[in-house]
Amino acid sequence: MAIGFMEVHLVKAKGLHNSDIIGEMDPYVLIQYKDQEQRSSVAIGQGKNPVWNEKFMFKVEYPLSNHQHKIIFKIMDQDLYTDDFVGESM
């Protein structure tokens, strides 16, 4: 089985639901692939239309077995005490 790398380019999000009652939310993204997880920077004060323009590398093995693996993007809002879940995409 060969090992390679997959590059994920996180660009931006549009029209997110603002989870903050007062002010703009501070979103970040958790990117998950298999047992690997990486976190973007926090887009401080960018609210519903954040821009990250960041690249992430994930280790991949191929040829893959019969299992299909998904990349999961979880958008979170950073808060003082507890971060809020905003949304998810696969």
N, C-alpha and C. Protein backbone atom coordinates (compact mmCIF):
# COMPACT_ATOMS: atom_id res chain seq x y z
N MET A 1 0.85 -1.18 0.00
CA MET A 1 0.00 0.00 0.00
C MET A 1 0.89 1.24 0.00
N ALA A 2 0.63 2.13 -0.90
CA ALA A 2 1.41 3.37 -1.02
C ALA A 2 0.81 4.46 -0.14
N ILE A 3 1.65 5.41 0.25
CA ILE A 3 1.19 6.53 1.06
C ILE A 3 1.46 7.81 0.29
N GLY A 4 0.49 8.69 0.30
CA GLY A 4 0.63 9.98 -0.35
C GLY A 4 0.01 11.06 0.53
N PHE A 5 -0.13 12.23 -0.05
CA PHE A 5 -0.71 13.35 0.68
C PHE A 5 -1.80 14.01 -0.13
N MET A 6 -2.81 14.49 0.56
CA MET A 6 -3.92 15.21 -0.05
C MET A 6 -3.90 16.63 0.50
N GLU A 7 -3.93 17.60 -0.39
CA GLU A 7 -3.96 19.00 0.04
C GLU A 7 -5.39 19.51 -0.03
N VAL A 8 -5.84 20.12 1.05
CA VAL A 8 -7.17 20.71 1.11
C VAL A 8 -6.99 22.22 1.23
N HIS A 9 -7.64 22.96 0.34
CA HIS A 9 -7.55 24.42 0.35
C HIS A 9 -8.87 24.97 0.87
N LEU A 10 -8.86 25.50 2.08
CA LEU A 10 -10.04 26.11 2.70
C LEU A 10 -10.03 27.58 2.32
N VAL A 11 -11.02 28.00 1.54
CA VAL A 11 -11.03 29.35 1.00
C VAL A 11 -11.92 30.26 1.84
N LYS A 12 -13.23 30.02 1.81
CA LYS A 12 -14.16 30.91 2.51
C LYS A 12 -15.50 30.23 2.72
N ALA A 13 -16.37 30.91 3.45
CA ALA A 13 -17.76 30.46 3.62
C ALA A 13 -18.64 31.68 3.38
N LYS A 14 -19.87 31.41 2.94
CA LYS A 14 -20.81 32.51 2.67
C LYS A 14 -22.15 32.22 3.34
N GLY A 15 -22.73 33.25 3.91
CA GLY A 15 -24.09 33.17 4.42
C GLY A 15 -24.28 32.25 5.61
N LEU A 16 -23.28 32.18 6.49
CA LEU A 16 -23.43 31.35 7.69
C LEU A 16 -24.47 31.95 8.63
N HIS A 17 -25.09 31.11 9.43
CA HIS A 17 -26.02 31.56 10.46
C HIS A 17 -25.21 32.14 11.60
N ASN A 18 -25.46 33.38 11.98
CA ASN A 18 -24.73 34.03 13.06
C ASN A 18 -25.20 33.47 14.40
N SER A 19 -24.33 32.76 15.09
CA SER A 19 -24.69 32.13 16.36
C SER A 19 -24.51 33.07 17.55
N ASP A 20 -23.95 34.25 17.33
CA ASP A 20 -23.77 35.21 18.41
C ASP A 20 -24.98 36.13 18.50
N ILE A 21 -25.41 36.39 19.71
CA ILE A 21 -26.55 37.28 19.94
C ILE A 21 -26.12 38.74 19.74
N ILE A 22 -24.95 39.06 20.25
CA ILE A 22 -24.42 40.42 20.14
C ILE A 22 -23.13 40.37 19.32
N GLY A 23 -23.02 41.21 18.32
CA GLY A 23 -21.80 41.30 17.53
C GLY A 23 -21.67 40.21 16.48
N GLU A 24 -20.49 40.15 15.89
CA GLU A 24 -20.20 39.16 14.85
C GLU A 24 -19.53 37.93 15.45
N MET A 25 -19.81 36.78 14.87
CA MET A 25 -19.16 35.56 15.35
C MET A 25 -17.73 35.49 14.83
N ASP A 26 -16.95 34.63 15.46
CA ASP A 26 -15.55 34.41 15.12
C ASP A 26 -15.38 32.96 14.68
N PRO A 27 -15.67 32.66 13.41
CA PRO A 27 -15.69 31.27 12.96
C PRO A 27 -14.31 30.68 12.68
N TYR A 28 -14.23 29.37 12.88
CA TYR A 28 -13.08 28.57 12.47
C TYR A 28 -13.61 27.23 11.99
N VAL A 29 -12.76 26.43 11.34
CA VAL A 29 -13.20 25.17 10.76
C VAL A 29 -12.33 24.03 11.29
N LEU A 30 -12.98 22.94 11.68
CA LEU A 30 -12.30 21.68 11.99
C LEU A 30 -12.43 20.82 10.75
N ILE A 31 -11.31 20.37 10.22
CA ILE A 31 -11.31 19.53 9.02
C ILE A 31 -10.88 18.13 9.44
N GLN A 32 -11.74 17.15 9.17
CA GLN A 32 -11.46 15.77 9.58
C GLN A 32 -11.40 14.85 8.37
N TYR A 33 -10.37 14.00 8.36
CA TYR A 33 -10.25 12.95 7.34
C TYR A 33 -9.75 11.71 8.06
N LYS A 34 -10.56 10.66 8.05
CA LYS A 34 -10.25 9.43 8.79
C LYS A 34 -9.96 9.79 10.24
N ASP A 35 -8.78 9.42 10.75
CA ASP A 35 -8.46 9.70 12.16
C ASP A 35 -7.62 10.97 12.31
N GLN A 36 -7.55 11.79 11.27
CA GLN A 36 -6.76 13.02 11.30
C GLN A 36 -7.69 14.23 11.41
N GLU A 37 -7.28 15.21 12.19
CA GLU A 37 -8.07 16.44 12.32
C GLU A 37 -7.13 17.64 12.35
N GLN A 38 -7.52 18.68 11.62
CA GLN A 38 -6.76 19.93 11.63
C GLN A 38 -7.74 21.08 11.82
N ARG A 39 -7.21 22.18 12.32
CA ARG A 39 -8.05 23.33 12.65
C ARG A 39 -7.53 24.57 11.93
N SER A 40 -8.46 25.33 11.37
CA SER A 40 -8.09 26.59 10.71
C SER A 40 -7.83 27.66 11.76
N SER A 41 -7.36 28.80 11.29
CA SER A 41 -7.26 29.96 12.17
C SER A 41 -8.67 30.48 12.43
N VAL A 42 -8.81 31.34 13.42
CA VAL A 42 -10.10 31.95 13.73
C VAL A 42 -10.23 33.22 12.90
N ALA A 43 -11.33 33.32 12.17
CA ALA A 43 -11.62 34.51 11.36
C ALA A 43 -12.31 35.54 12.26
N ILE A 44 -11.51 36.22 13.06
CA ILE A 44 -12.03 37.11 14.10
C ILE A 44 -12.88 38.23 13.50
N GLY A 45 -14.13 38.30 13.99
CA GLY A 45 -15.05 39.36 13.59
C GLY A 45 -15.54 39.30 12.16
N GLN A 46 -15.30 38.19 11.45
CA GLN A 46 -15.72 38.11 10.04
C GLN A 46 -17.15 37.61 9.87
N GLY A 47 -17.79 37.21 10.96
CA GLY A 47 -19.21 36.90 10.94
C GLY A 47 -19.64 35.85 9.94
N LYS A 48 -20.67 36.21 9.14
CA LYS A 48 -21.32 35.25 8.25
C LYS A 48 -20.56 34.94 6.96
N ASN A 49 -19.53 35.71 6.65
CA ASN A 49 -18.81 35.53 5.38
C ASN A 49 -17.29 35.51 5.62
N PRO A 50 -16.81 34.53 6.38
CA PRO A 50 -15.37 34.49 6.70
C PRO A 50 -14.51 34.04 5.53
N VAL A 51 -13.26 34.51 5.53
CA VAL A 51 -12.26 34.12 4.54
C VAL A 51 -11.05 33.59 5.29
N TRP A 52 -10.58 32.39 4.89
CA TRP A 52 -9.40 31.79 5.52
C TRP A 52 -8.22 31.71 4.55
N ASN A 53 -8.45 31.20 3.38
CA ASN A 53 -7.41 31.00 2.37
C ASN A 53 -6.20 30.25 2.96
N GLU A 54 -6.47 29.09 3.55
CA GLU A 54 -5.44 28.27 4.19
C GLU A 54 -5.39 26.89 3.54
N LYS A 55 -4.21 26.28 3.56
CA LYS A 55 -4.02 24.94 3.01
C LYS A 55 -3.63 23.97 4.11
N PHE A 56 -4.15 22.74 3.99
CA PHE A 56 -3.90 21.68 4.97
C PHE A 56 -3.50 20.41 4.24
N MET A 57 -2.61 19.64 4.84
CA MET A 57 -2.15 18.38 4.25
C MET A 57 -2.64 17.21 5.10
N PHE A 58 -3.16 16.19 4.43
CA PHE A 58 -3.61 14.96 5.10
C PHE A 58 -2.90 13.77 4.46
N LYS A 59 -2.50 12.83 5.28
CA LYS A 59 -1.87 11.60 4.77
C LYS A 59 -2.96 10.68 4.26
N VAL A 60 -2.74 10.11 3.07
CA VAL A 60 -3.69 9.16 2.49
C VAL A 60 -2.95 7.88 2.09
N GLU A 61 -3.66 6.79 2.13
CA GLU A 61 -3.12 5.50 1.72
C GLU A 61 -3.90 5.02 0.51
N TYR A 62 -3.22 4.46 -0.46
CA TYR A 62 -3.90 3.95 -1.66
C TYR A 62 -3.14 2.75 -2.19
N PRO A 63 -3.73 1.84 -2.91
CA PRO A 63 -5.17 1.89 -3.17
C PRO A 63 -5.94 1.62 -1.89
N LEU A 64 -7.05 2.31 -1.78
CA LEU A 64 -7.89 2.16 -0.59
C LEU A 64 -8.60 0.82 -0.61
N SER A 65 -8.94 0.38 0.55
CA SER A 65 -9.76 -0.83 0.64
C SER A 65 -11.16 -0.47 0.16
N ASN A 66 -12.12 -1.29 0.45
CA ASN A 66 -13.49 -1.04 0.02
C ASN A 66 -14.16 0.07 0.82
N HIS A 67 -13.46 0.62 1.80
CA HIS A 67 -14.03 1.69 2.62
C HIS A 67 -13.93 3.03 1.90
N GLN A 68 -14.99 3.80 2.03
CA GLN A 68 -14.96 5.15 1.48
C GLN A 68 -14.75 6.11 2.64
N HIS A 69 -13.88 7.08 2.46
CA HIS A 69 -13.58 8.03 3.51
C HIS A 69 -14.03 9.42 3.06
N LYS A 70 -14.60 10.17 3.99
CA LYS A 70 -15.11 11.49 3.69
C LYS A 70 -14.26 12.55 4.37
N ILE A 71 -14.21 13.71 3.77
CA ILE A 71 -13.65 14.89 4.42
C ILE A 71 -14.82 15.62 5.06
N ILE A 72 -14.71 15.89 6.34
CA ILE A 72 -15.77 16.57 7.07
C ILE A 72 -15.28 17.96 7.48
N PHE A 73 -16.09 18.96 7.19
CA PHE A 73 -15.80 20.34 7.57
C PHE A 73 -16.82 20.76 8.63
N LYS A 74 -16.35 21.01 9.85
CA LYS A 74 -17.24 21.48 10.92
C LYS A 74 -16.92 22.94 11.20
N ILE A 75 -17.91 23.79 11.03
CA ILE A 75 -17.72 25.21 11.28
C ILE A 75 -18.15 25.51 12.72
N MET A 76 -17.25 26.15 13.44
CA MET A 76 -17.47 26.48 14.84
C MET A 76 -17.34 27.98 15.03
N ASP A 77 -17.97 28.50 16.09
CA ASP A 77 -17.84 29.90 16.46
C ASP A 77 -17.09 29.96 17.79
N GLN A 78 -15.94 30.59 17.77
CA GLN A 78 -15.14 30.69 18.99
C GLN A 78 -15.75 31.72 19.94
N ASP A 79 -16.00 31.28 21.16
CA ASP A 79 -16.53 32.16 22.19
C ASP A 79 -15.64 32.08 23.42
N LEU A 80 -15.91 32.95 24.36
CA LEU A 80 -15.07 33.06 25.56
C LEU A 80 -15.06 31.77 26.38
N TYR A 81 -16.23 31.18 26.60
CA TYR A 81 -16.31 29.99 27.46
C TYR A 81 -16.49 28.69 26.67
N THR A 82 -17.49 28.66 25.80
CA THR A 82 -17.78 27.45 25.03
C THR A 82 -17.98 27.81 23.57
N ASP A 83 -17.30 27.10 22.69
CA ASP A 83 -17.47 27.34 21.26
C ASP A 83 -18.79 26.74 20.79
N ASP A 84 -19.43 27.42 19.84
CA ASP A 84 -20.73 27.00 19.32
C ASP A 84 -20.58 26.31 17.97
N PHE A 85 -21.35 25.24 17.79
CA PHE A 85 -21.43 24.55 16.49
C PHE A 85 -22.26 25.41 15.55
N VAL A 86 -21.74 25.70 14.35
CA VAL A 86 -22.46 26.50 13.36
C VAL A 86 -23.03 25.63 12.26
N GLY A 87 -22.23 24.69 11.75
CA GLY A 87 -22.70 23.84 10.67
C GLY A 87 -21.64 22.83 10.26
N GLU A 88 -22.04 21.93 9.34
CA GLU A 88 -21.15 20.85 8.92
C GLU A 88 -21.40 20.53 7.46
N SER A 89 -20.33 20.13 6.77
CA SER A 89 -20.43 19.72 5.37
C SER A 89 -19.51 18.52 5.16
N MET A 90 -19.90 17.63 4.25
CA MET A 90 -19.07 16.45 3.93
C MET A 90 -18.75 16.45 2.45
